[in-house]
Amino acid sequence: MIEQRIGEFMNNEDQLAQFIFLFVMIFVTVPGGILSLSLLLMINSSEEKLKYTYLLSQDDKMYQTFMAI
């Protein structure tokens, strides 16, 4: 009886661990993918385009702060 309870508990804990792992992986991979893509674009683009992407990111930050207000 006790062994069965322990087995059930371990099973539930395993599911929780899998869920947390999935959550963390999504959190790590999505921004990481966006970051690597933007870095690739920056490397491939010319200096003017670099300035433009920087301005866009600054504009996005300003927009986010404005929306927060």
PDB file of N, CA and C in Angstrom:
ATOM      1  N   MET A   1       0.828  -1.206   0.000  1.00  0.00           N
ATOM      2  CA  MET A   1       0.000   0.000   0.000  1.00  0.00           C
ATOM      3  C   MET A   1       0.869   1.264   0.000  1.00  0.00           C
ATOM      4  N   ILE A   2       1.858   1.276   0.895  1.00  0.00           N
ATOM      5  CA  ILE A   2       2.747   2.439   0.985  1.00  0.00           C
ATOM      6  C   ILE A   2       3.553   2.585  -0.303  1.00  0.00           C
ATOM      7  N   GLU A   3       4.042   1.451  -0.825  1.00  0.00           N
ATOM      8  CA  GLU A   3       4.818   1.482  -2.064  1.00  0.00           C
ATOM      9  C   GLU A   3       3.995   2.049  -3.215  1.00  0.00           C
ATOM     10  N   GLN A   4       2.721   1.678  -3.255  1.00  0.00           N
ATOM     11  CA  GLN A   4       1.832   2.173  -4.303  1.00  0.00           C
ATOM     12  C   GLN A   4       1.667   3.693  -4.192  1.00  0.00           C
ATOM     13  N   ARG A   5       1.500   4.164  -2.968  1.00  0.00           N
ATOM     14  CA  ARG A   5       1.362   5.612  -2.726  1.00  0.00           C
ATOM     15  C   ARG A   5       2.618   6.351  -3.188  1.00  0.00           C
ATOM     16  N   ILE A   6       3.773   5.797  -2.826  1.00  0.00           N
ATOM     17  CA  ILE A   6       5.046   6.409  -3.218  1.00  0.00           C
ATOM     18  C   ILE A   6       5.152   6.448  -4.742  1.00  0.00           C
ATOM     19  N   GLY A   7       4.748   5.353  -5.378  1.00  0.00           N
ATOM     20  CA  GLY A   7       4.777   5.291  -6.836  1.00  0.00           C
ATOM     21  C   GLY A   7       3.893   6.360  -7.461  1.00  0.00           C
ATOM     22  N   GLU A   8       2.695   6.543  -6.920  1.00  0.00           N
ATOM     23  CA  GLU A   8       1.783   7.573  -7.426  1.00  0.00           C
ATOM     24  C   GLU A   8       2.384   8.961  -7.246  1.00  0.00           C
ATOM     25  N   PHE A   9       2.969   9.184  -6.069  1.00  0.00           N
ATOM     26  CA  PHE A   9       3.570  10.483  -5.770  1.00  0.00           C
ATOM     27  C   PHE A   9       4.716  10.783  -6.737  1.00  0.00           C
ATOM     28  N   MET A  10       5.552   9.770  -6.964  1.00  0.00           N
ATOM     29  CA  MET A  10       6.676   9.934  -7.879  1.00  0.00           C
ATOM     30  C   MET A  10       6.175  10.234  -9.286  1.00  0.00           C
ATOM     31  N   ASN A  11       5.098   9.571  -9.669  1.00  0.00           N
ATOM     32  CA  ASN A  11       4.527   9.784 -10.988  1.00  0.00           C
ATOM     33  C   ASN A  11       4.054  11.226 -11.142  1.00  0.00           C
ATOM     34  N   ASN A  12       3.343  11.727 -10.145  1.00  0.00           N
ATOM     35  CA  ASN A  12       2.862  13.106 -10.182  1.00  0.00           C
ATOM     36  C   ASN A  12       4.015  14.101 -10.221  1.00  0.00           C
ATOM     37  N   GLU A  13       5.029  13.831  -9.422  1.00  0.00           N
ATOM     38  CA  GLU A  13       6.193  14.712  -9.376  1.00  0.00           C
ATOM     39  C   GLU A  13       6.894  14.722 -10.728  1.00  0.00           C
ATOM     40  N   ASP A  14       6.944  13.564 -11.373  1.00  0.00           N
ATOM     41  CA  ASP A  14       7.569  13.452 -12.686  1.00  0.00           C
ATOM     42  C   ASP A  14       6.823  14.312 -13.705  1.00  0.00           C
ATOM     43  N   GLN A  15       5.502  14.274 -13.657  1.00  0.00           N
ATOM     44  CA  GLN A  15       4.699  15.088 -14.569  1.00  0.00           C
ATOM     45  C   GLN A  15       4.959  16.568 -14.331  1.00  0.00           C
ATOM     46  N   LEU A  16       5.042  16.960 -13.073  1.00  0.00           N
ATOM     47  CA  LEU A  16       5.316  18.346 -12.719  1.00  0.00           C
ATOM     48  C   LEU A  16       6.687  18.773 -13.236  1.00  0.00           C
ATOM     49  N   ALA A  17       7.670  17.892 -13.059  1.00  0.00           N
ATOM     50  CA  ALA A  17       9.022  18.182 -13.528  1.00  0.00           C
ATOM     51  C   ALA A  17       9.034  18.352 -15.042  1.00  0.00           C
ATOM     52  N   GLN A  18       8.313  17.477 -15.750  1.00  0.00           N
ATOM     53  CA  GLN A  18       8.235  17.584 -17.205  1.00  0.00           C
ATOM     54  C   GLN A  18       7.603  18.906 -17.611  1.00  0.00           C
ATOM     55  N   PHE A  19       6.543  19.301 -16.918  1.00  0.00           N
ATOM     56  CA  PHE A  19       5.852  20.553 -17.214  1.00  0.00           C
ATOM     57  C   PHE A  19       6.774  21.750 -17.010  1.00  0.00           C
ATOM     58  N   ILE A  20       7.498  21.742 -15.870  1.00  0.00           N
ATOM     59  CA  ILE A  20       8.429  22.837 -15.574  1.00  0.00           C
ATOM     60  C   ILE A  20       9.529  22.880 -16.621  1.00  0.00           C
ATOM     61  N   PHE A  21      10.051  21.706 -16.981  1.00  0.00           N
ATOM     62  CA  PHE A  21      11.109  21.625 -17.985  1.00  0.00           C
ATOM     63  C   PHE A  21      10.633  22.205 -19.310  1.00  0.00           C
ATOM     64  N   LEU A  22       9.414  21.826 -19.727  1.00  0.00           N
ATOM     65  CA  LEU A  22       8.837  22.326 -20.972  1.00  0.00           C
ATOM     66  C   LEU A  22       8.696  23.843 -20.920  1.00  0.00           C
ATOM     67  N   PHE A  23       8.184  24.336 -19.802  1.00  0.00           N
ATOM     68  CA  PHE A  23       7.971  25.770 -19.607  1.00  0.00           C
ATOM     69  C   PHE A  23       9.287  26.526 -19.743  1.00  0.00           C
ATOM     70  N   VAL A  24      10.325  26.011 -19.058  1.00  0.00           N
ATOM     71  CA  VAL A  24      11.644  26.646 -19.085  1.00  0.00           C
ATOM     72  C   VAL A  24      12.216  26.607 -20.495  1.00  0.00           C
ATOM     73  N   MET A  25      12.068  25.460 -21.170  1.00  0.00           N
ATOM     74  CA  MET A  25      12.599  25.331 -22.524  1.00  0.00           C
ATOM     75  C   MET A  25      11.942  26.333 -23.465  1.00  0.00           C
ATOM     76  N   ILE A  26      10.615  26.486 -23.353  1.00  0.00           N
ATOM     77  CA  ILE A  26       9.913  27.448 -24.201  1.00  0.00           C
ATOM     78  C   ILE A  26      10.420  28.856 -23.902  1.00  0.00           C
ATOM     79  N   PHE A  27      10.572  29.173 -22.618  1.00  0.00           N
ATOM     80  CA  PHE A  27      11.030  30.506 -22.220  1.00  0.00           C
ATOM     81  C   PHE A  27      12.438  30.787 -22.726  1.00  0.00           C
ATOM     82  N   VAL A  28      13.282  29.747 -22.745  1.00  0.00           N
ATOM     83  CA  VAL A  28      14.669  29.933 -23.177  1.00  0.00           C
ATOM     84  C   VAL A  28      14.764  29.997 -24.700  1.00  0.00           C
ATOM     85  N   THR A  29      14.048  29.099 -25.393  1.00  0.00           N
ATOM     86  CA  THR A  29      14.229  28.984 -26.839  1.00  0.00           C
ATOM     87  C   THR A  29      13.591  30.119 -27.617  1.00  0.00           C
ATOM     88  N   VAL A  30      12.412  30.590 -27.188  1.00  0.00           N
ATOM     89  CA  VAL A  30      11.726  31.626 -27.969  1.00  0.00           C
ATOM     90  C   VAL A  30      12.520  32.934 -28.011  1.00  0.00           C
ATOM     91  N   PRO A  31      12.890  33.528 -26.858  1.00  0.00           N
ATOM     92  CA  PRO A  31      13.695  34.749 -26.938  1.00  0.00           C
ATOM     93  C   PRO A  31      15.074  34.493 -27.541  1.00  0.00           C
ATOM     94  N   GLY A  32      15.628  33.312 -27.260  1.00  0.00           N
ATOM     95  CA  GLY A  32      16.930  32.955 -27.821  1.00  0.00           C
ATOM     96  C   GLY A  32      16.881  32.913 -29.337  1.00  0.00           C
ATOM     97  N   GLY A  33      15.809  32.323 -29.869  1.00  0.00           N
ATOM     98  CA  GLY A  33      15.641  32.253 -31.320  1.00  0.00           C
ATOM     99  C   GLY A  33      15.489  33.626 -31.928  1.00  0.00           C
ATOM    100  N   ILE A  34      14.700  34.482 -31.292  1.00  0.00           N
ATOM    101  CA  ILE A  34      14.507  35.848 -31.789  1.00  0.00           C
ATOM    102  C   ILE A  34      15.829  36.604 -31.760  1.00  0.00           C
ATOM    103  N   LEU A  35      16.571  36.436 -30.664  1.00  0.00           N
ATOM    104  CA  LEU A  35      17.859  37.110 -30.513  1.00  0.00           C
ATOM    105  C   LEU A  35      18.840  36.677 -31.591  1.00  0.00           C
ATOM    106  N   SER A  36      18.931  35.362 -31.825  1.00  0.00           N
ATOM    107  CA  SER A  36      19.875  34.855 -32.821  1.00  0.00           C
ATOM    108  C   SER A  36      19.481  35.319 -34.218  1.00  0.00           C
ATOM    109  N   LEU A  37      18.174  35.352 -34.493  1.00  0.00           N
ATOM    110  CA  LEU A  37      17.698  35.834 -35.787  1.00  0.00           C
ATOM    111  C   LEU A  37      18.082  37.288 -35.998  1.00  0.00           C
ATOM    112  N   SER A  38      17.861  38.111 -34.988  1.00  0.00           N
ATOM    113  CA  SER A  38      18.187  39.534 -35.106  1.00  0.00           C
ATOM    114  C   SER A  38      19.696  39.723 -35.262  1.00  0.00           C
ATOM    115  N   LEU A  39      20.475  38.892 -34.558  1.00  0.00           N
ATOM    116  CA  LEU A  39      21.929  38.964 -34.690  1.00  0.00           C
ATOM    117  C   LEU A  39      22.363  38.602 -36.104  1.00  0.00           C
ATOM    118  N   LEU A  40      21.744  37.545 -36.656  1.00  0.00           N
ATOM    119  CA  LEU A  40      22.051  37.152 -38.029  1.00  0.00           C
ATOM    120  C   LEU A  40      21.722  38.277 -38.997  1.00  0.00           C
ATOM    121  N   LEU A  41      20.558  38.894 -38.801  1.00  0.00           N
ATOM    122  CA  LEU A  41      20.152  40.005 -39.658  1.00  0.00           C
ATOM    123  C   LEU A  41      21.140  41.155 -39.546  1.00  0.00           C
ATOM    124  N   MET A  42      21.583  41.442 -38.326  1.00  0.00           N
ATOM    125  CA  MET A  42      22.532  42.539 -38.108  1.00  0.00           C
ATOM    126  C   MET A  42      23.861  42.257 -38.798  1.00  0.00           C
ATOM    127  N   ILE A  43      24.304  41.002 -38.725  1.00  0.00           N
ATOM    128  CA  ILE A  43      25.578  40.631 -39.353  1.00  0.00           C
ATOM    129  C   ILE A  43      25.470  40.760 -40.876  1.00  0.00           C
ATOM    130  N   ASN A  44      24.321  40.333 -41.420  1.00  0.00           N
ATOM    131  CA  ASN A  44      24.151  40.349 -42.867  1.00  0.00           C
ATOM    132  C   ASN A  44      23.853  41.735 -43.424  1.00  0.00           C
ATOM    133  N   SER A  45      23.340  42.627 -42.585  1.00  0.00           N
ATOM    134  CA  SER A  45      22.919  43.936 -43.082  1.00  0.00           C
ATOM    135  C   SER A  45      24.078  44.925 -43.103  1.00  0.00           C
ATOM    136  N   SER A  46      23.871  45.990 -43.856  1.00  0.00           N
ATOM    137  CA  SER A  46      24.880  47.047 -43.920  1.00  0.00           C
ATOM    138  C   SER A  46      24.759  47.954 -42.701  1.00  0.00           C
ATOM    139  N   GLU A  47      25.627  48.957 -42.619  1.00  0.00           N
ATOM    140  CA  GLU A  47      25.647  49.825 -41.444  1.00  0.00           C
ATOM    141  C   GLU A  47      24.360  50.641 -41.329  1.00  0.00           C
ATOM    142  N   GLU A  48      23.835  51.115 -42.444  1.00  0.00           N
ATOM    143  CA  GLU A  48      22.606  51.912 -42.411  1.00  0.00           C
ATOM    144  C   GLU A  48      21.442  51.078 -41.885  1.00  0.00           C
ATOM    145  N   LYS A  49      21.362  49.836 -42.353  1.00  0.00           N
ATOM    146  CA  LYS A  49      20.303  48.948 -41.888  1.00  0.00           C
ATOM    147  C   LYS A  49      20.467  48.675 -40.393  1.00  0.00           C
ATOM    148  N   LEU A  50      21.721  48.576 -39.955  1.00  0.00           N
ATOM    149  CA  LEU A  50      21.991  48.374 -38.536  1.00  0.00           C
ATOM    150  C   LEU A  50      21.410  49.513 -37.717  1.00  0.00           C
ATOM    151  N   LYS A  51      21.683  50.740 -38.173  1.00  0.00           N
ATOM    152  CA  LYS A  51      21.143  51.911 -37.480  1.00  0.00           C
ATOM    153  C   LYS A  51      19.623  51.845 -37.458  1.00  0.00           C
ATOM    154  N   TYR A  52      19.045  51.431 -38.578  1.00  0.00           N
ATOM    155  CA  TYR A  52      17.591  51.367 -38.693  1.00  0.00           C
ATOM    156  C   TYR A  52      17.009  50.350 -37.712  1.00  0.00           C
ATOM    157  N   THR A  53      17.641  49.172 -37.622  1.00  0.00           N
ATOM    158  CA  THR A  53      17.139  48.152 -36.690  1.00  0.00           C
ATOM    159  C   THR A  53      17.281  48.639 -35.251  1.00  0.00           C
ATOM    160  N   TYR A  54      18.386  49.342 -34.975  1.00  0.00           N
ATOM    161  CA  TYR A  54      18.584  49.886 -33.625  1.00  0.00           C
ATOM    162  C   TYR A  54      17.488  50.896 -33.302  1.00  0.00           C
ATOM    163  N   LEU A  55      17.197  51.778 -34.264  1.00  0.00           N
ATOM    164  CA  LEU A  55      16.135  52.768 -34.064  1.00  0.00           C
ATOM    165  C   LEU A  55      14.798  52.082 -33.841  1.00  0.00           C
ATOM    166  N   LEU A  56      14.545  51.020 -34.610  1.00  0.00           N
ATOM    167  CA  LEU A  56      13.290  50.281 -34.455  1.00  0.00           C
ATOM    168  C   LEU A  56      13.184  49.695 -33.051  1.00  0.00           C
ATOM    169  N   SER A  57      14.276  49.120 -32.564  1.00  0.00           N
ATOM    170  CA  SER A  57      14.245  48.520 -31.229  1.00  0.00           C
ATOM    171  C   SER A  57      14.032  49.600 -30.164  1.00  0.00           C
ATOM    172  N   GLN A  58      14.671  50.757 -30.354  1.00  0.00           N
ATOM    173  CA  GLN A  58      14.478  51.866 -29.418  1.00  0.00           C
ATOM    174  C   GLN A  58      13.022  52.324 -29.439  1.00  0.00           C
ATOM    175  N   ASP A  59      12.465  52.432 -30.639  1.00  0.00           N
ATOM    176  CA  ASP A  59      11.073  52.847 -30.807  1.00  0.00           C
ATOM    177  C   ASP A  59      10.149  51.847 -30.111  1.00  0.00           C
ATOM    178  N   ASP A  60      10.463  50.556 -30.244  1.00  0.00           N
ATOM    179  CA  ASP A  60       9.661  49.506 -29.615  1.00  0.00           C
ATOM    180  C   ASP A  60       9.710  49.647 -28.091  1.00  0.00           C
ATOM    181  N   LYS A  61      10.889  49.938 -27.558  1.00  0.00           N
ATOM    182  CA  LYS A  61      11.025  50.121 -26.110  1.00  0.00           C
ATOM    183  C   LYS A  61      10.186  51.306 -25.648  1.00  0.00           C
ATOM    184  N   MET A  62      10.242  52.408 -26.406  1.00  0.00           N
ATOM    185  CA  MET A  62       9.464  53.595 -26.065  1.00  0.00           C
ATOM    186  C   MET A  62       7.977  53.271 -26.095  1.00  0.00           C
ATOM    187  N   TYR A  63       7.564  52.509 -27.098  1.00  0.00           N
ATOM    188  CA  TYR A  63       6.159  52.128 -27.220  1.00  0.00           C
ATOM    189  C   TYR A  63       5.734  51.280 -26.024  1.00  0.00           C
ATOM    190  N   GLN A  64       6.594  50.339 -25.629  1.00  0.00           N
ATOM    191  CA  GLN A  64       6.276  49.475 -24.490  1.00  0.00           C
ATOM    192  C   GLN A  64       6.135  50.291 -23.208  1.00  0.00           C
ATOM    193  N   THR A  65       7.041  51.254 -22.995  1.00  0.00           N
ATOM    194  CA  THR A  65       6.955  52.072 -21.783  1.00  0.00           C
ATOM    195  C   THR A  65       5.706  52.942 -21.830  1.00  0.00           C
ATOM    196  N   PHE A  66       5.375  53.435 -23.012  1.00  0.00           N
ATOM    197  CA  PHE A  66       4.168  54.252 -23.172  1.00  0.00           C
ATOM    198  C   PHE A  66       2.929  53.433 -22.843  1.00  0.00           C
ATOM    199  N   MET A  67       2.899  52.178 -23.322  1.00  0.00           N
ATOM    200  CA  MET A  67       1.756  51.309 -23.052  1.00  0.00           C
ATOM    201  C   MET A  67       1.674  50.987 -21.553  1.00  0.00           C
ATOM    202  N   ALA A  68       2.825  50.900 -20.897  1.00  0.00           N
ATOM    203  CA  ALA A  68       2.845  50.618 -19.461  1.00  0.00           C
ATOM    204  C   ALA A  68       2.242  51.784 -18.673  1.00  0.00           C
ATOM    205  N   ILE A  69       2.470  53.005 -19.163  1.00  0.00           N
ATOM    206  CA  ILE A  69       1.919  54.205 -18.508  1.00  0.00           C
ATOM    207  C   ILE A  69       0.419  54.250 -18.784  1.00  0.00           C
TER     208      ILE A  69
END
